[in-house]
Amino acid sequence: MSKLILVPTPIGNLEDITLRAIRILKEVDLILAEDTRKASVLLKHYNISKKVLSYHSYNEHNNVSGIVNKIIEGLNIALITDAGTPGISDPGFLLVRECIKSSISVECLPGPTAFIPALVVSGIPCNSFVFIGFLPVKKGLSSLLKSLSSEIRTMIFYESPRRISKTLDVFCEYFGENRKASVSRELTKIYEQTYRGSLKELSILFKNTTFKGEMVIVVEGKTAGS
């Protein structure tokens, strides 16, 4: 029976892929990739020769029905994104939803996602947490942060290096300057770094230094004294 298979891919280090993921990518009839150029690096590294089609946030609405029809017709299709697990702040949800509506089997392999290692090395409680992902740029930002100001679970956010300084300033405003936090960048790569401290300390650090690479921010939940 044909199916859709979500295949997590490395978030930086090409060795961080399972044997099963490699096998699946070699066996499927078609691979959907967020960026075919980035996908080609991974596929070439593991000697995977398959047809690859572009599937990203700008074309997914138009392509979903066609992909669903391909699976119904008998194709096994794998979906990969630039890094990590499809659907986690990346394309995937719409296709999964439509496959489920059409009674198509959907399978997701276990594998890399950036926020788990960032959470574990943060030094902030990880027994209970909430993943927020990327914040809205403007509309809804204030109301979201206001609602999160009383969140008692550890909070996890994704952010770009271009916006990191401004975001930490806003966090100081809504969560308090003394709230514990960490910022991880270049996870799994040679230059992996995690910075820990109060939101104020991190805000000062990121004002005075230029960084590259997508960031994961982990923020302590509200405590009795915060």
C-alpha atoms as a PDB file:
ATOM      1  CA  MET A   1       0.000   0.000   0.000  1.00  0.00           C
ATOM      2  CA  SER A   2       1.458   3.375  -1.020  1.00  0.00           C
ATOM      3  CA  LYS A   3       2.127   5.979   1.666  1.00  0.00           C
ATOM      4  CA  LEU A   4       3.670   9.296   2.619  1.00  0.00           C
ATOM      5  CA  ILE A   5       6.829   9.019   4.714  1.00  0.00           C
ATOM      6  CA  LEU A   6       8.256  11.979   6.620  1.00  0.00           C
ATOM      7  CA  VAL A   7      12.028  11.580   6.805  1.00  0.00           C
ATOM      8  CA  PRO A   8      14.021  13.747   9.259  1.00  0.00           C
ATOM      9  CA  THR A   9      17.347  14.953   7.901  1.00  0.00           C
ATOM     10  CA  PRO A  10      20.487  16.218   9.683  1.00  0.00           C
ATOM     11  CA  ILE A  11      20.356  19.719  11.161  1.00  0.00           C
ATOM     12  CA  GLY A  12      24.047  20.273  10.487  1.00  0.00           C
ATOM     13  CA  ASN A  13      26.176  17.163  10.717  1.00  0.00           C
ATOM     14  CA  LEU A  14      25.540  14.812   7.780  1.00  0.00           C
ATOM     15  CA  GLU A  15      26.280  11.806  10.006  1.00  0.00           C
ATOM     16  CA  ASP A  16      23.109  12.458  12.012  1.00  0.00           C
ATOM     17  CA  ILE A  17      20.788  10.340   9.892  1.00  0.00           C
ATOM     18  CA  THR A  18      19.493   6.871  10.634  1.00  0.00           C
ATOM     19  CA  LEU A  19      20.177   3.770   8.587  1.00  0.00           C
ATOM     20  CA  ARG A  20      16.443   3.394   8.184  1.00  0.00           C
ATOM     21  CA  ALA A  21      16.112   6.917   6.774  1.00  0.00           C
ATOM     22  CA  ILE A  22      18.804   6.193   4.188  1.00  0.00           C
ATOM     23  CA  ARG A  23      17.081   2.937   3.215  1.00  0.00           C
ATOM     24  CA  ILE A  24      13.687   4.633   2.865  1.00  0.00           C
ATOM     25  CA  LEU A  25      15.105   7.405   0.688  1.00  0.00           C
ATOM     26  CA  LYS A  26      16.629   4.770  -1.584  1.00  0.00           C
ATOM     27  CA  GLU A  27      13.389   2.767  -1.794  1.00  0.00           C
ATOM     28  CA  VAL A  28      10.699   5.420  -2.356  1.00  0.00           C
ATOM     29  CA  ASP A  29       9.494   6.371  -5.817  1.00  0.00           C
ATOM     30  CA  LEU A  30       9.765  10.117  -5.290  1.00  0.00           C
ATOM     31  CA  ILE A  31      11.352  12.547  -2.820  1.00  0.00           C
ATOM     32  CA  LEU A  32       9.818  15.927  -2.028  1.00  0.00           C
ATOM     33  CA  ALA A  33      12.410  18.456  -0.832  1.00  0.00           C
ATOM     34  CA  GLU A  34      12.114  21.952   0.600  1.00  0.00           C
ATOM     35  CA  ASP A  35      15.247  23.016  -1.315  1.00  0.00           C
ATOM     36  CA  THR A  36      16.370  20.626  -4.051  1.00  0.00           C
ATOM     37  CA  ARG A  37      19.894  22.075  -4.018  1.00  0.00           C
ATOM     38  CA  LYS A  38      20.380  21.371  -0.325  1.00  0.00           C
ATOM     39  CA  ALA A  39      18.737  17.977  -0.714  1.00  0.00           C
ATOM     40  CA  SER A  40      21.170  17.060  -3.477  1.00  0.00           C
ATOM     41  CA  VAL A  41      24.116  17.460  -1.083  1.00  0.00           C
ATOM     42  CA  LEU A  42      22.635  14.942   1.340  1.00  0.00           C
ATOM     43  CA  LEU A  43      21.453  12.526  -1.338  1.00  0.00           C
ATOM     44  CA  LYS A  44      24.782  12.598  -3.153  1.00  0.00           C
ATOM     45  CA  HIS A  45      26.644  11.998   0.117  1.00  0.00           C
ATOM     46  CA  TYR A  46      24.683   8.757   0.628  1.00  0.00           C
ATOM     47  CA  ASN A  47      24.608   7.707  -3.037  1.00  0.00           C
ATOM     48  CA  ILE A  48      20.846   8.127  -3.317  1.00  0.00           C
ATOM     49  CA  SER A  49      19.617   8.550  -6.883  1.00  0.00           C
ATOM     50  CA  LYS A  50      15.922   9.395  -6.917  1.00  0.00           C
ATOM     51  CA  LYS A  51      13.686  11.888  -8.625  1.00  0.00           C
ATOM     52  CA  VAL A  52      13.365  14.982  -6.418  1.00  0.00           C
ATOM     53  CA  LEU A  53      10.584  17.565  -6.644  1.00  0.00           C
ATOM     54  CA  SER A  54      10.475  20.947  -4.950  1.00  0.00           C
ATOM     55  CA  TYR A  55       7.975  21.236  -2.089  1.00  0.00           C
ATOM     56  CA  HIS A  56       8.167  24.353   0.075  1.00  0.00           C
ATOM     57  CA  SER A  57       6.008  26.906   1.858  1.00  0.00           C
ATOM     58  CA  TYR A  58       5.490  28.947  -1.318  1.00  0.00           C
ATOM     59  CA  ASN A  59       4.126  26.131  -3.480  1.00  0.00           C
ATOM     60  CA  GLU A  60       2.664  23.604  -1.051  1.00  0.00           C
ATOM     61  CA  HIS A  61      -0.921  24.894  -1.279  1.00  0.00           C
ATOM     62  CA  ASN A  62      -0.876  24.471  -5.050  1.00  0.00           C
ATOM     63  CA  ASN A  63       0.900  21.102  -5.019  1.00  0.00           C
ATOM     64  CA  VAL A  64      -0.847  19.225  -2.212  1.00  0.00           C
ATOM     65  CA  SER A  65      -3.693  17.748  -4.262  1.00  0.00           C
ATOM     66  CA  GLY A  66      -1.358  16.592  -7.026  1.00  0.00           C
ATOM     67  CA  ILE A  67       0.921  14.846  -4.546  1.00  0.00           C
ATOM     68  CA  VAL A  68      -2.018  13.169  -2.836  1.00  0.00           C
ATOM     69  CA  ASN A  69      -3.168  11.872  -6.223  1.00  0.00           C
ATOM     70  CA  LYS A  70       0.287  10.469  -6.951  1.00  0.00           C
ATOM     71  CA  ILE A  71       0.186   8.480  -3.716  1.00  0.00           C
ATOM     72  CA  ILE A  72      -3.333   7.253  -4.455  1.00  0.00           C
ATOM     73  CA  GLU A  73      -2.066   6.101  -7.856  1.00  0.00           C
ATOM     74  CA  GLY A  74       0.522   3.941  -6.111  1.00  0.00           C
ATOM     75  CA  LEU A  75       3.662   6.019  -5.522  1.00  0.00           C
ATOM     76  CA  ASN A  76       5.507   5.890  -2.212  1.00  0.00           C
ATOM     77  CA  ILE A  77       6.663   9.420  -1.498  1.00  0.00           C
ATOM     78  CA  ALA A  78       9.168  10.740   1.055  1.00  0.00           C
ATOM     79  CA  LEU A  79       9.143  14.312   2.319  1.00  0.00           C
ATOM     80  CA  ILE A  80      12.318  15.961   3.575  1.00  0.00           C
ATOM     81  CA  THR A  81      13.056  19.544   4.551  1.00  0.00           C
ATOM     82  CA  ASP A  82      16.295  21.515   4.672  1.00  0.00           C
ATOM     83  CA  ALA A  83      17.015  20.228   8.168  1.00  0.00           C
ATOM     84  CA  GLY A  84      15.224  18.365  10.935  1.00  0.00           C
ATOM     85  CA  THR A  85      11.783  16.814  11.034  1.00  0.00           C
ATOM     86  CA  PRO A  86       9.202  17.886   8.415  1.00  0.00           C
ATOM     87  CA  GLY A  87       6.299  19.790   9.915  1.00  0.00           C
ATOM     88  CA  ILE A  88       8.316  21.314  12.776  1.00  0.00           C
ATOM     89  CA  SER A  89       8.505  24.965  11.659  1.00  0.00           C
ATOM     90  CA  ASP A  90       8.827  23.572   8.133  1.00  0.00           C
ATOM     91  CA  PRO A  91       6.423  22.436   5.376  1.00  0.00           C
ATOM     92  CA  GLY A  92       4.605  19.176   6.026  1.00  0.00           C
ATOM     93  CA  PHE A  93       1.428  19.776   7.992  1.00  0.00           C
ATOM     94  CA  LEU A  94      -0.820  20.545   5.013  1.00  0.00           C
ATOM     95  CA  LEU A  95       0.271  17.446   3.138  1.00  0.00           C
ATOM     96  CA  VAL A  96      -0.133  15.211   6.183  1.00  0.00           C
ATOM     97  CA  ARG A  97      -3.610  16.581   6.805  1.00  0.00           C
ATOM     98  CA  GLU A  98      -4.743  16.000   3.226  1.00  0.00           C
ATOM     99  CA  CYS A  99      -3.288  12.483   3.186  1.00  0.00           C
ATOM    100  CA  ILE A 100      -5.210  11.650   6.345  1.00  0.00           C
ATOM    101  CA  LYS A 101      -8.401  13.036   4.794  1.00  0.00           C
ATOM    102  CA  SER A 102      -7.834  10.730   1.823  1.00  0.00           C
ATOM    103  CA  SER A 103      -7.176   7.714   4.076  1.00  0.00           C
ATOM    104  CA  ILE A 104      -3.543   7.571   2.960  1.00  0.00           C
ATOM    105  CA  SER A 105      -1.077   5.999   5.358  1.00  0.00           C
ATOM    106  CA  VAL A 106       1.345   8.521   6.865  1.00  0.00           C
ATOM    107  CA  GLU A 107       4.550   7.466   8.570  1.00  0.00           C
ATOM    108  CA  CYS A 108       7.136   9.625  10.331  1.00  0.00           C
ATOM    109  CA  LEU A 109      10.610   8.307  11.052  1.00  0.00           C
ATOM    110  CA  PRO A 110      12.326   9.339  14.284  1.00  0.00           C
ATOM    111  CA  GLY A 111      15.266  11.641  13.855  1.00  0.00           C
ATOM    112  CA  PRO A 112      16.860  15.068  14.277  1.00  0.00           C
ATOM    113  CA  THR A 113      15.084  18.216  15.371  1.00  0.00           C
ATOM    114  CA  ALA A 114      16.956  21.257  16.637  1.00  0.00           C
ATOM    115  CA  PHE A 115      14.963  22.110  19.736  1.00  0.00           C
ATOM    116  CA  ILE A 116      15.554  18.846  21.636  1.00  0.00           C
ATOM    117  CA  PRO A 117      19.370  19.101  21.940  1.00  0.00           C
ATOM    118  CA  ALA A 118      19.050  22.833  22.665  1.00  0.00           C
ATOM    119  CA  LEU A 119      16.590  22.109  25.463  1.00  0.00           C
ATOM    120  CA  VAL A 120      18.654  19.326  26.992  1.00  0.00           C
ATOM    121  CA  VAL A 121      21.899  21.369  27.140  1.00  0.00           C
ATOM    122  CA  SER A 122      20.202  24.562  28.320  1.00  0.00           C
ATOM    123  CA  GLY A 123      20.385  23.676  32.008  1.00  0.00           C
ATOM    124  CA  ILE A 124      16.734  24.671  32.278  1.00  0.00           C
ATOM    125  CA  PRO A 125      14.127  22.083  33.399  1.00  0.00           C
ATOM    126  CA  CYS A 126      13.106  19.888  30.459  1.00  0.00           C
ATOM    127  CA  ASN A 127      10.549  17.613  32.123  1.00  0.00           C
ATOM    128  CA  SER A 128       7.731  19.891  30.933  1.00  0.00           C
ATOM    129  CA  PHE A 129       8.034  22.306  28.034  1.00  0.00           C
ATOM    130  CA  VAL A 130       6.138  24.067  25.254  1.00  0.00           C
ATOM    131  CA  PHE A 131       7.494  24.534  21.737  1.00  0.00           C
ATOM    132  CA  ILE A 132       6.563  27.892  20.194  1.00  0.00           C
ATOM    133  CA  GLY A 133       8.857  27.944  17.157  1.00  0.00           C
ATOM    134  CA  PHE A 134       9.184  31.183  15.182  1.00  0.00           C
ATOM    135  CA  LEU A 135       7.354  34.176  16.603  1.00  0.00           C
ATOM    136  CA  PRO A 136       5.042  36.255  14.401  1.00  0.00           C
ATOM    137  CA  VAL A 137       6.931  39.268  13.067  1.00  0.00           C
ATOM    138  CA  LYS A 138       4.248  41.842  13.901  1.00  0.00           C
ATOM    139  CA  LYS A 139       0.593  40.856  14.054  1.00  0.00           C
ATOM    140  CA  GLY A 140      -0.230  38.908  17.194  1.00  0.00           C
ATOM    141  CA  LEU A 141       3.262  39.158  18.717  1.00  0.00           C
ATOM    142  CA  SER A 142       2.281  41.285  21.694  1.00  0.00           C
ATOM    143  CA  SER A 143      -0.771  39.223  22.625  1.00  0.00           C
ATOM    144  CA  LEU A 144       1.185  35.953  22.272  1.00  0.00           C
ATOM    145  CA  LEU A 145       4.023  37.112  24.533  1.00  0.00           C
ATOM    146  CA  LYS A 146       1.548  38.497  27.044  1.00  0.00           C
ATOM    147  CA  SER A 147      -0.143  35.090  27.238  1.00  0.00           C
ATOM    148  CA  LEU A 148       3.240  33.366  27.594  1.00  0.00           C
ATOM    149  CA  SER A 149       4.382  35.665  30.409  1.00  0.00           C
ATOM    150  CA  SER A 150       2.554  33.452  32.910  1.00  0.00           C
ATOM    151  CA  GLU A 151       3.583  30.137  31.296  1.00  0.00           C
ATOM    152  CA  ILE A 152       5.169  27.883  33.948  1.00  0.00           C
ATOM    153  CA  ARG A 153       6.643  25.380  31.488  1.00  0.00           C
ATOM    154  CA  THR A 154       9.994  25.880  29.801  1.00  0.00           C
ATOM    155  CA  MET A 155       9.485  27.689  26.487  1.00  0.00           C
ATOM    156  CA  ILE A 156      11.369  27.020  23.251  1.00  0.00           C
ATOM    157  CA  PHE A 157      11.624  29.431  20.329  1.00  0.00           C
ATOM    158  CA  TYR A 158      13.368  29.521  16.956  1.00  0.00           C
ATOM    159  CA  GLU A 159      14.938  32.765  15.781  1.00  0.00           C
ATOM    160  CA  SER A 160      17.134  34.128  13.000  1.00  0.00           C
ATOM    161  CA  PRO A 161      20.471  35.838  13.716  1.00  0.00           C
ATOM    162  CA  ARG A 162      19.063  39.016  12.185  1.00  0.00           C
ATOM    163  CA  ARG A 163      16.299  39.245  14.795  1.00  0.00           C
ATOM    164  CA  ILE A 164      17.889  37.603  17.838  1.00  0.00           C
ATOM    165  CA  SER A 165      18.920  40.834  19.600  1.00  0.00           C
ATOM    166  CA  LYS A 166      15.498  42.457  19.215  1.00  0.00           C
ATOM    167  CA  THR A 167      13.736  39.275  20.333  1.00  0.00           C
ATOM    168  CA  LEU A 168      15.808  39.031  23.522  1.00  0.00           C
ATOM    169  CA  ASP A 169      14.988  42.668  24.299  1.00  0.00           C
ATOM    170  CA  VAL A 170      11.282  41.931  23.894  1.00  0.00           C
ATOM    171  CA  PHE A 171      11.612  38.848  26.099  1.00  0.00           C
ATOM    172  CA  CYS A 172      13.169  41.022  28.832  1.00  0.00           C
ATOM    173  CA  GLU A 173      10.118  43.253  28.629  1.00  0.00           C
ATOM    174  CA  TYR A 174       7.526  40.476  28.849  1.00  0.00           C
ATOM    175  CA  PHE A 175       9.297  37.789  30.910  1.00  0.00           C
ATOM    176  CA  GLY A 176      11.574  39.904  33.095  1.00  0.00           C
ATOM    177  CA  GLU A 177      15.294  40.598  32.810  1.00  0.00           C
ATOM    178  CA  ASN A 178      16.254  37.989  35.410  1.00  0.00           C
ATOM    179  CA  ARG A 179      14.480  35.046  33.748  1.00  0.00           C
ATOM    180  CA  LYS A 180      16.976  32.254  32.983  1.00  0.00           C
ATOM    181  CA  ALA A 181      17.511  31.427  29.324  1.00  0.00           C
ATOM    182  CA  SER A 182      19.893  29.920  26.799  1.00  0.00           C
ATOM    183  CA  VAL A 183      20.636  30.476  23.123  1.00  0.00           C
ATOM    184  CA  SER A 184      22.066  27.642  21.001  1.00  0.00           C
ATOM    185  CA  ARG A 185      23.478  28.033  17.493  1.00  0.00           C
ATOM    186  CA  GLU A 186      25.174  25.853  14.880  1.00  0.00           C
ATOM    187  CA  LEU A 187      23.872  22.735  16.646  1.00  0.00           C
ATOM    188  CA  THR A 188      25.715  19.501  15.705  1.00  0.00           C
ATOM    189  CA  LYS A 189      28.328  21.474  13.754  1.00  0.00           C
ATOM    190  CA  ILE A 190      31.998  22.062  14.607  1.00  0.00           C
ATOM    191  CA  TYR A 191      31.287  25.547  15.939  1.00  0.00           C
ATOM    192  CA  GLU A 192      28.239  24.589  18.028  1.00  0.00           C
ATOM    193  CA  GLN A 193      27.734  27.040  20.872  1.00  0.00           C
ATOM    194  CA  THR A 194      25.268  27.485  23.721  1.00  0.00           C
ATOM    195  CA  TYR A 195      25.114  30.703  25.724  1.00  0.00           C
ATOM    196  CA  ARG A 196      23.422  30.647  29.141  1.00  0.00           C
ATOM    197  CA  GLY A 197      22.424  33.369  31.552  1.00  0.00           C
ATOM    198  CA  SER A 198      19.637  35.769  32.351  1.00  0.00           C
ATOM    199  CA  LEU A 199      17.660  37.321  29.521  1.00  0.00           C
ATOM    200  CA  LYS A 200      19.368  40.625  30.289  1.00  0.00           C
ATOM    201  CA  GLU A 201      22.849  39.084  30.094  1.00  0.00           C
ATOM    202  CA  LEU A 202      22.041  37.376  26.801  1.00  0.00           C
ATOM    203  CA  SER A 203      20.495  40.549  25.445  1.00  0.00           C
ATOM    204  CA  ILE A 204      23.723  42.466  26.116  1.00  0.00           C
ATOM    205  CA  LEU A 205      25.848  39.698  24.603  1.00  0.00           C
ATOM    206  CA  PHE A 206      23.894  39.530  21.364  1.00  0.00           C
ATOM    207  CA  LYS A 207      23.865  43.320  21.000  1.00  0.00           C
ATOM    208  CA  ASN A 208      27.633  43.465  20.897  1.00  0.00           C
ATOM    209  CA  THR A 209      28.409  40.422  18.736  1.00  0.00           C
ATOM    210  CA  THR A 210      27.449  39.339  15.225  1.00  0.00           C
ATOM    211  CA  PHE A 211      26.389  35.722  14.869  1.00  0.00           C
ATOM    212  CA  LYS A 212      25.370  33.477  11.995  1.00  0.00           C
ATOM    213  CA  GLY A 213      23.092  30.453  11.844  1.00  0.00           C
ATOM    214  CA  GLU A 214      19.561  29.792  13.030  1.00  0.00           C
ATOM    215  CA  MET A 215      19.160  30.006  16.795  1.00  0.00           C
ATOM    216  CA  VAL A 216      17.157  28.124  19.402  1.00  0.00           C
ATOM    217  CA  ILE A 217      16.133  30.127  22.467  1.00  0.00           C
ATOM    218  CA  VAL A 218      15.126  28.275  25.623  1.00  0.00           C
ATOM    219  CA  VAL A 219      13.425  30.347  28.332  1.00  0.00           C
ATOM    220  CA  GLU A 220      12.640  29.276  31.872  1.00  0.00           C
ATOM    221  CA  GLY A 221       8.976  29.186  32.762  1.00  0.00           C
ATOM    222  CA  LYS A 222       7.478  31.537  35.337  1.00  0.00           C
ATOM    223  CA  THR A 223       8.385  30.606  38.898  1.00  0.00           C
ATOM    224  CA  ALA A 224       7.060  31.814  42.234  1.00  0.00           C
ATOM    225  CA  GLY A 225       9.748  34.474  42.405  1.00  0.00           C
ATOM    226  CA  SER A 226       9.616  35.681  38.822  1.00  0.00           C
END
